Amino acid sequence: MPYLPSFGAYIRYGVGALLTFLVGRALIRWLNGYLARKQQEQAAPQEQRQHTIRYEKALQSLARSQCPSCERSLPRREGVLPNYCMHCGLQLQHDCSQCGALHYACFPYCPSCGKPA
């Protein structure tokens, strides 16, 4: 009887390659969907974008010096964040209309006088 090679290794390599292809394809589709959602979010008006960002997420992002909308890093000048994100244009800080204090645009109330935003 002639020698028959073991095909177990070929099957394992084939299954591994197929799984790598399928997982990679699914990951690329998910990343393309994420990019499309971010582009659609950035095309929305300023007020709508500020209201769709969760308050807790905004505070965490601003503490890490990141934009809450596009999640890119923001440079601090003398320890202060800029008023607008240079990447997506989201307003990050503004002056209170009653007391004039500068605060984050994601705050529902002014931290100085308590006036609703």
C-alpha atoms as a PDB file:
ATOM      1  CA  MET A   1       0.000   0.000   0.000  1.00  0.00           C
ATOM      2  CA  PRO A   2       1.458   3.345  -0.924  1.00  0.00           C
ATOM      3  CA  TYR A   3       2.177   5.974   1.700  1.00  0.00           C
ATOM      4  CA  LEU A   4      -0.757   8.374   2.177  1.00  0.00           C
ATOM      5  CA  PRO A   5       0.095  11.753   3.707  1.00  0.00           C
ATOM      6  CA  SER A   6      -1.885  13.064   6.645  1.00  0.00           C
ATOM      7  CA  PHE A   7      -4.266  15.798   5.561  1.00  0.00           C
ATOM      8  CA  GLY A   8      -4.979  16.993   9.115  1.00  0.00           C
ATOM      9  CA  ALA A   9      -2.445  19.823   8.923  1.00  0.00           C
ATOM     10  CA  TYR A  10      -3.836  21.030   5.597  1.00  0.00           C
ATOM     11  CA  ILE A  11      -7.345  21.073   7.040  1.00  0.00           C
ATOM     12  CA  ARG A  12      -6.189  23.025  10.123  1.00  0.00           C
ATOM     13  CA  TYR A  13      -4.349  25.581   7.955  1.00  0.00           C
ATOM     14  CA  GLY A  14      -7.336  25.879   5.641  1.00  0.00           C
ATOM     15  CA  VAL A  15      -9.788  26.396   8.494  1.00  0.00           C
ATOM     16  CA  GLY A  16      -7.419  28.947  10.077  1.00  0.00           C
ATOM     17  CA  ALA A  17      -7.086  30.882   6.823  1.00  0.00           C
ATOM     18  CA  LEU A  18     -10.863  30.823   6.274  1.00  0.00           C
ATOM     19  CA  LEU A  19     -11.563  32.061   9.817  1.00  0.00           C
ATOM     20  CA  THR A  20      -8.958  34.822   9.440  1.00  0.00           C
ATOM     21  CA  PHE A  21     -10.571  35.919   6.191  1.00  0.00           C
ATOM     22  CA  LEU A  22     -14.110  35.932   7.626  1.00  0.00           C
ATOM     23  CA  VAL A  23     -13.163  37.758  10.840  1.00  0.00           C
ATOM     24  CA  GLY A  24     -11.103  40.301   8.891  1.00  0.00           C
ATOM     25  CA  ARG A  25     -13.961  40.932   6.486  1.00  0.00           C
ATOM     26  CA  ALA A  26     -16.427  41.407   9.358  1.00  0.00           C
ATOM     27  CA  LEU A  27     -14.030  43.798  11.081  1.00  0.00           C
ATOM     28  CA  ILE A  28     -13.581  45.873   7.918  1.00  0.00           C
ATOM     29  CA  ARG A  29     -17.366  46.098   7.481  1.00  0.00           C
ATOM     30  CA  TRP A  30     -17.812  47.201  11.087  1.00  0.00           C
ATOM     31  CA  LEU A  31     -15.068  49.843  10.747  1.00  0.00           C
ATOM     32  CA  ASN A  32     -16.615  51.182   7.525  1.00  0.00           C
ATOM     33  CA  GLY A  33     -19.996  51.430   9.263  1.00  0.00           C
ATOM     34  CA  TYR A  34     -18.372  53.236  12.204  1.00  0.00           C
ATOM     35  CA  LEU A  35     -16.711  55.707   9.823  1.00  0.00           C
ATOM     36  CA  ALA A  36     -20.027  56.343   8.042  1.00  0.00           C
ATOM     37  CA  ARG A  37     -21.804  56.935  11.392  1.00  0.00           C
ATOM     38  CA  LYS A  38     -19.104  59.403  12.498  1.00  0.00           C
ATOM     39  CA  GLN A  39     -19.284  61.297   9.192  1.00  0.00           C
ATOM     40  CA  GLN A  40     -23.072  61.496   9.453  1.00  0.00           C
ATOM     41  CA  GLU A  41     -22.781  62.687  13.061  1.00  0.00           C
ATOM     42  CA  GLN A  42     -20.300  65.406  12.105  1.00  0.00           C
ATOM     43  CA  ALA A  43     -22.583  66.636   9.313  1.00  0.00           C
ATOM     44  CA  ALA A  44     -25.361  67.380  11.833  1.00  0.00           C
ATOM     45  CA  PRO A  45     -25.869  70.935  13.169  1.00  0.00           C
ATOM     46  CA  GLN A  46     -23.850  72.092  16.215  1.00  0.00           C
ATOM     47  CA  GLU A  47     -26.784  72.109  18.676  1.00  0.00           C
ATOM     48  CA  GLN A  48     -27.940  68.628  17.701  1.00  0.00           C
ATOM     49  CA  ARG A  49     -24.405  67.228  18.033  1.00  0.00           C
ATOM     50  CA  GLN A  50     -24.015  68.669  21.528  1.00  0.00           C
ATOM     51  CA  HIS A  51     -27.299  67.113  22.682  1.00  0.00           C
ATOM     52  CA  THR A  52     -26.559  63.640  21.284  1.00  0.00           C
ATOM     53  CA  ILE A  53     -23.294  63.290  23.231  1.00  0.00           C
ATOM     54  CA  ARG A  54     -23.832  61.668  26.614  1.00  0.00           C
ATOM     55  CA  TYR A  55     -22.847  63.870  29.545  1.00  0.00           C
ATOM     56  CA  GLU A  56     -20.618  61.237  31.219  1.00  0.00           C
ATOM     57  CA  LYS A  57     -18.836  60.450  27.963  1.00  0.00           C
ATOM     58  CA  ALA A  58     -18.207  64.144  27.356  1.00  0.00           C
ATOM     59  CA  LEU A  59     -16.682  64.620  30.814  1.00  0.00           C
ATOM     60  CA  GLN A  60     -14.437  61.573  30.409  1.00  0.00           C
ATOM     61  CA  SER A  61     -13.293  62.689  26.963  1.00  0.00           C
ATOM     62  CA  LEU A  62     -12.577  66.245  28.088  1.00  0.00           C
ATOM     63  CA  ALA A  63     -10.604  64.946  31.095  1.00  0.00           C
ATOM     64  CA  ARG A  64      -8.423  62.977  28.644  1.00  0.00           C
ATOM     65  CA  SER A  65      -8.071  66.089  26.408  1.00  0.00           C
ATOM     66  CA  GLN A  66     -10.139  64.468  23.646  1.00  0.00           C
ATOM     67  CA  CYS A  67     -13.059  65.784  21.640  1.00  0.00           C
ATOM     68  CA  PRO A  68     -16.285  64.033  22.753  1.00  0.00           C
ATOM     69  CA  SER A  69     -17.542  63.892  19.169  1.00  0.00           C
ATOM     70  CA  CYS A  70     -14.611  62.791  16.996  1.00  0.00           C
ATOM     71  CA  GLU A  71     -12.463  61.383  19.843  1.00  0.00           C
ATOM     72  CA  ARG A  72      -9.278  63.029  18.570  1.00  0.00           C
ATOM     73  CA  SER A  73      -6.788  64.619  20.926  1.00  0.00           C
ATOM     74  CA  LEU A  74      -7.008  68.320  21.714  1.00  0.00           C
ATOM     75  CA  PRO A  75      -3.946  70.423  22.494  1.00  0.00           C
ATOM     76  CA  ARG A  76      -4.015  72.301  25.778  1.00  0.00           C
ATOM     77  CA  ARG A  77      -2.591  75.812  25.744  1.00  0.00           C
ATOM     78  CA  GLU A  78      -1.453  76.874  29.193  1.00  0.00           C
ATOM     79  CA  GLY A  79      -3.631  74.124  30.695  1.00  0.00           C
ATOM     80  CA  VAL A  80      -6.833  75.306  28.969  1.00  0.00           C
ATOM     81  CA  LEU A  81      -8.741  73.433  26.258  1.00  0.00           C
ATOM     82  CA  PRO A  82      -9.663  75.318  23.063  1.00  0.00           C
ATOM     83  CA  ASN A  83     -13.217  76.604  22.589  1.00  0.00           C
ATOM     84  CA  TYR A  84     -13.769  74.535  19.402  1.00  0.00           C
ATOM     85  CA  CYS A  85     -12.428  71.202  18.177  1.00  0.00           C
ATOM     86  CA  MET A  86     -10.054  71.841  15.310  1.00  0.00           C
ATOM     87  CA  HIS A  87     -10.894  68.465  13.740  1.00  0.00           C
ATOM     88  CA  CYS A  88     -14.707  68.446  13.639  1.00  0.00           C
ATOM     89  CA  GLY A  89     -15.686  71.992  14.685  1.00  0.00           C
ATOM     90  CA  LEU A  90     -17.695  71.033  17.792  1.00  0.00           C
ATOM     91  CA  GLN A  91     -18.027  73.849  20.319  1.00  0.00           C
ATOM     92  CA  LEU A  92     -16.387  72.677  23.542  1.00  0.00           C
ATOM     93  CA  GLN A  93     -16.597  75.779  25.752  1.00  0.00           C
ATOM     94  CA  HIS A  94     -18.701  78.920  25.779  1.00  0.00           C
ATOM     95  CA  ASP A  95     -19.484  81.891  27.996  1.00  0.00           C
ATOM     96  CA  CYS A  96     -22.593  81.887  30.155  1.00  0.00           C
ATOM     97  CA  SER A  97     -25.129  84.461  28.949  1.00  0.00           C
ATOM     98  CA  GLN A  98     -25.977  85.519  32.522  1.00  0.00           C
ATOM     99  CA  CYS A  99     -22.691  85.596  34.470  1.00  0.00           C
ATOM    100  CA  GLY A 100     -20.114  85.422  31.643  1.00  0.00           C
ATOM    101  CA  ALA A 101     -18.227  82.451  33.143  1.00  0.00           C
ATOM    102  CA  LEU A 102     -16.470  80.131  30.700  1.00  0.00           C
ATOM    103  CA  HIS A 103     -17.674  76.516  30.987  1.00  0.00           C
ATOM    104  CA  TYR A 104     -17.961  73.344  28.921  1.00  0.00           C
ATOM    105  CA  ALA A 105     -20.757  73.364  26.378  1.00  0.00           C
ATOM    106  CA  CYS A 106     -21.865  69.879  27.490  1.00  0.00           C
ATOM    107  CA  PHE A 107     -22.846  71.147  30.969  1.00  0.00           C
ATOM    108  CA  PRO A 108     -26.634  71.351  31.292  1.00  0.00           C
ATOM    109  CA  TYR A 109     -26.259  74.202  33.822  1.00  0.00           C
ATOM    110  CA  CYS A 110     -23.705  76.938  34.396  1.00  0.00           C
ATOM    111  CA  PRO A 111     -21.389  75.885  37.270  1.00  0.00           C
ATOM    112  CA  SER A 112     -21.114  79.512  38.466  1.00  0.00           C
ATOM    113  CA  CYS A 113     -24.699  80.791  38.512  1.00  0.00           C
ATOM    114  CA  GLY A 114     -26.813  77.660  37.855  1.00  0.00           C
ATOM    115  CA  LYS A 115     -28.624  79.063  34.797  1.00  0.00           C
ATOM    116  CA  PRO A 116     -29.788  76.334  32.355  1.00  0.00           C
ATOM    117  CA  ALA A 117     -27.710  76.200  29.195  1.00  0.00           C
END
